[in-house]
């Protein structure tokens, strides 16, 4: 199994970052505007549409406000993974900011590179969006998981 691990700082409080990360149905508005064009919530799953047309169905596995950790898994859509599990945690960082820890396990291993490229770009979009108070609309992207 392949893993993608990314840690990055955001100049916003852990509470502010968690508020956006934990809003499972609003990823397109609060974390990845422009990169994610739509998200539709249905109970514990969301259908996410990316700027390049890729669509994935993600199931919410865990939403833990105490540890500020979300875990989710891709269970359908056009990615065609045989296994996908990701978690993201908003930890206290330097100078009142937040350290975001994002970890993804995926099969087949051939998806590792596209997932890693997506995580890099999504991390930058999240940082810009959250540091701008969630109001920035970054441009779209051809990358999607």
Protein backbone atom coordinates (compact mmCIF):
# COMPACT_ATOMS: atom_id res chain seq x y z
CA UNK A 1 0.00 0.00 0.00
CA UNK A 2 1.21 3.50 -0.78
CA UNK A 3 0.94 6.47 1.53
CA UNK A 4 1.05 10.21 0.98
CA UNK A 5 1.88 12.33 4.00
CA UNK A 6 1.83 16.14 4.03
CA UNK A 7 2.35 18.61 6.86
CA UNK A 8 1.93 22.34 6.35
CA UNK A 9 1.41 25.50 8.37
CA UNK A 10 -1.55 27.84 8.11
CA UNK A 11 -1.52 31.30 9.68
CA UNK A 12 -4.95 30.88 11.30
CA UNK A 13 -5.90 29.44 14.67
CA UNK A 14 -6.50 25.71 15.05
CA UNK A 15 -10.13 26.55 15.90
CA UNK A 16 -10.56 28.47 12.65
CA UNK A 17 -8.94 25.72 10.59
CA UNK A 18 -10.94 23.01 12.33
CA UNK A 19 -14.18 24.92 11.77
CA UNK A 20 -13.56 24.78 8.01
CA UNK A 21 -12.10 21.25 7.88
CA UNK A 22 -14.96 19.80 9.91
CA UNK A 23 -17.61 21.30 7.61
CA UNK A 24 -17.73 18.08 5.57
CA UNK A 25 -20.36 19.27 3.09
CA UNK A 26 -18.73 22.61 2.30
CA UNK A 27 -15.26 21.59 1.10
CA UNK A 28 -15.91 23.45 -2.18
CA UNK A 29 -16.65 26.70 -0.32
CA UNK A 30 -14.44 26.61 2.76
CA UNK A 31 -11.27 24.65 1.87
CA UNK A 32 -10.84 24.35 -1.88
CA UNK A 33 -12.80 26.97 -3.81
CA UNK A 34 -11.79 26.81 -7.44
CA UNK A 35 -10.12 23.42 -7.03
CA UNK A 36 -13.36 21.81 -5.85
CA UNK A 37 -16.38 23.11 -7.74
CA UNK A 38 -19.19 21.28 -5.92
CA UNK A 39 -19.92 19.04 -2.96
CA UNK A 40 -23.25 17.42 -2.22
CA UNK A 41 -23.84 15.94 1.21
CA UNK A 42 -26.07 12.90 1.77
CA UNK A 43 -25.98 11.58 5.36
CA UNK A 44 -22.38 10.39 5.91
CA UNK A 45 -21.22 10.69 2.28
CA UNK A 46 -20.39 13.60 0.04
CA UNK A 47 -20.08 13.68 -3.72
CA UNK A 48 -17.21 15.97 -4.66
CA UNK A 49 -16.68 17.45 -8.13
CA UNK A 50 -13.25 18.85 -9.02
CA UNK A 51 -12.43 21.58 -11.53
CA UNK A 52 -11.19 19.02 -14.06
CA UNK A 53 -14.47 17.06 -13.91
CA UNK A 54 -13.28 14.25 -11.65
CA UNK A 55 -16.05 13.14 -9.29
CA UNK A 56 -15.51 11.11 -6.11
CA UNK A 57 -17.87 9.86 -3.44
CA UNK A 58 -16.33 10.12 0.03
CA UNK A 59 -17.66 8.53 3.20
CA UNK A 60 -17.09 10.28 6.51
CA UNK A 61 -15.35 7.82 8.84
CA UNK A 62 -14.63 9.98 11.88
CA UNK A 63 -15.11 13.59 12.93
CA UNK A 64 -13.36 14.16 16.26
CA UNK A 65 -13.60 17.74 17.59
CA UNK A 66 -11.41 16.98 20.62
CA UNK A 67 -8.38 15.99 18.52
CA UNK A 68 -9.55 18.17 15.57
CA UNK A 69 -9.26 15.16 13.24
CA UNK A 70 -11.40 14.12 10.29
CA UNK A 71 -11.10 10.78 8.51
CA UNK A 72 -12.77 9.85 5.24
CA UNK A 73 -12.59 7.26 2.50
CA UNK A 74 -13.32 7.33 -1.22
CA UNK A 75 -16.06 4.78 -1.86
CA UNK A 76 -17.07 5.63 -5.43
CA UNK A 77 -16.70 7.89 -8.41
CA UNK A 78 -14.17 8.14 -11.20
CA UNK A 79 -10.90 7.66 -9.24
CA UNK A 80 -11.06 3.84 -9.34
CA UNK A 81 -9.05 3.17 -6.22
CA UNK A 82 -9.37 -0.23 -4.60
CA UNK A 83 -8.56 1.38 -1.24
CA UNK A 84 -8.47 4.99 -0.08
CA UNK A 85 -8.39 6.28 3.47
CA UNK A 86 -7.37 9.80 4.44
CA UNK A 87 -7.22 11.79 7.63
CA UNK A 88 -6.54 15.43 8.32
CA UNK A 89 -5.76 16.97 11.68
CA UNK A 90 -5.51 20.62 12.75
CA UNK A 91 -2.87 20.88 15.48
CA UNK A 92 -1.57 23.93 17.34
CA UNK A 93 1.39 25.29 15.39
CA UNK A 94 3.90 28.08 15.77
CA UNK A 95 2.91 31.63 16.73
CA UNK A 96 -0.77 30.78 17.24
CA UNK A 97 -1.08 29.17 13.81
CA UNK A 98 -2.01 25.65 12.81
CA UNK A 99 -0.02 22.64 11.70
CA UNK A 100 -2.18 20.59 9.33
CA UNK A 101 -1.29 16.91 9.09
CA UNK A 102 -2.86 15.16 6.08
CA UNK A 103 -2.27 11.46 5.54
CA UNK A 104 -3.65 9.28 2.73
CA UNK A 105 -3.29 5.54 2.17
CA UNK A 106 -4.19 4.40 -1.33
CA UNK A 107 -4.24 1.37 -3.61
CA UNK A 108 -3.30 0.73 -6.33
CA UNK A 109 0.14 2.22 -5.89
CA UNK A 110 -0.14 3.76 -9.37
CA UNK A 111 -2.42 6.39 -7.81
CA UNK A 112 0.32 7.58 -5.44
CA UNK A 113 1.79 10.19 -7.78
CA UNK A 114 -1.53 11.79 -8.81
CA UNK A 115 -2.71 11.78 -5.17
CA UNK A 116 0.57 13.36 -4.02
CA UNK A 117 0.32 16.05 -6.72
CA UNK A 118 -3.27 16.76 -5.71
CA UNK A 119 -2.37 16.97 -2.02
CA UNK A 120 0.41 19.48 -2.81
CA UNK A 121 -1.91 21.71 -4.79
CA UNK A 122 -4.85 21.33 -2.40
CA UNK A 123 -2.62 22.23 0.54
CA UNK A 124 -1.64 25.49 -1.14
CA UNK A 125 -5.28 26.29 -1.95
CA UNK A 126 -6.33 25.52 1.62
CA UNK A 127 -3.57 27.72 3.01
CA UNK A 128 -4.48 30.67 0.78
CA UNK A 129 -8.20 30.27 1.44
CA UNK A 130 -7.97 29.95 5.22
CA UNK A 131 -5.35 32.67 5.62
CA UNK A 132 -7.63 35.00 3.65
CA UNK A 133 -10.46 34.21 6.05
CA UNK A 134 -12.11 31.74 3.69
CA UNK A 135 -13.01 34.44 1.17
CA UNK A 136 -10.41 33.85 -1.54
CA UNK A 137 -11.45 32.16 -4.79
CA UNK A 138 -8.26 30.61 -6.22
CA UNK A 139 -8.28 29.62 -9.85
CA UNK A 140 -9.28 26.15 -10.94
CA UNK A 141 -6.92 23.30 -11.49
CA UNK A 142 -6.48 20.39 -13.79
CA UNK A 143 -5.34 18.24 -10.86
CA UNK A 144 -7.74 16.04 -8.94
CA UNK A 145 -7.19 12.90 -6.92
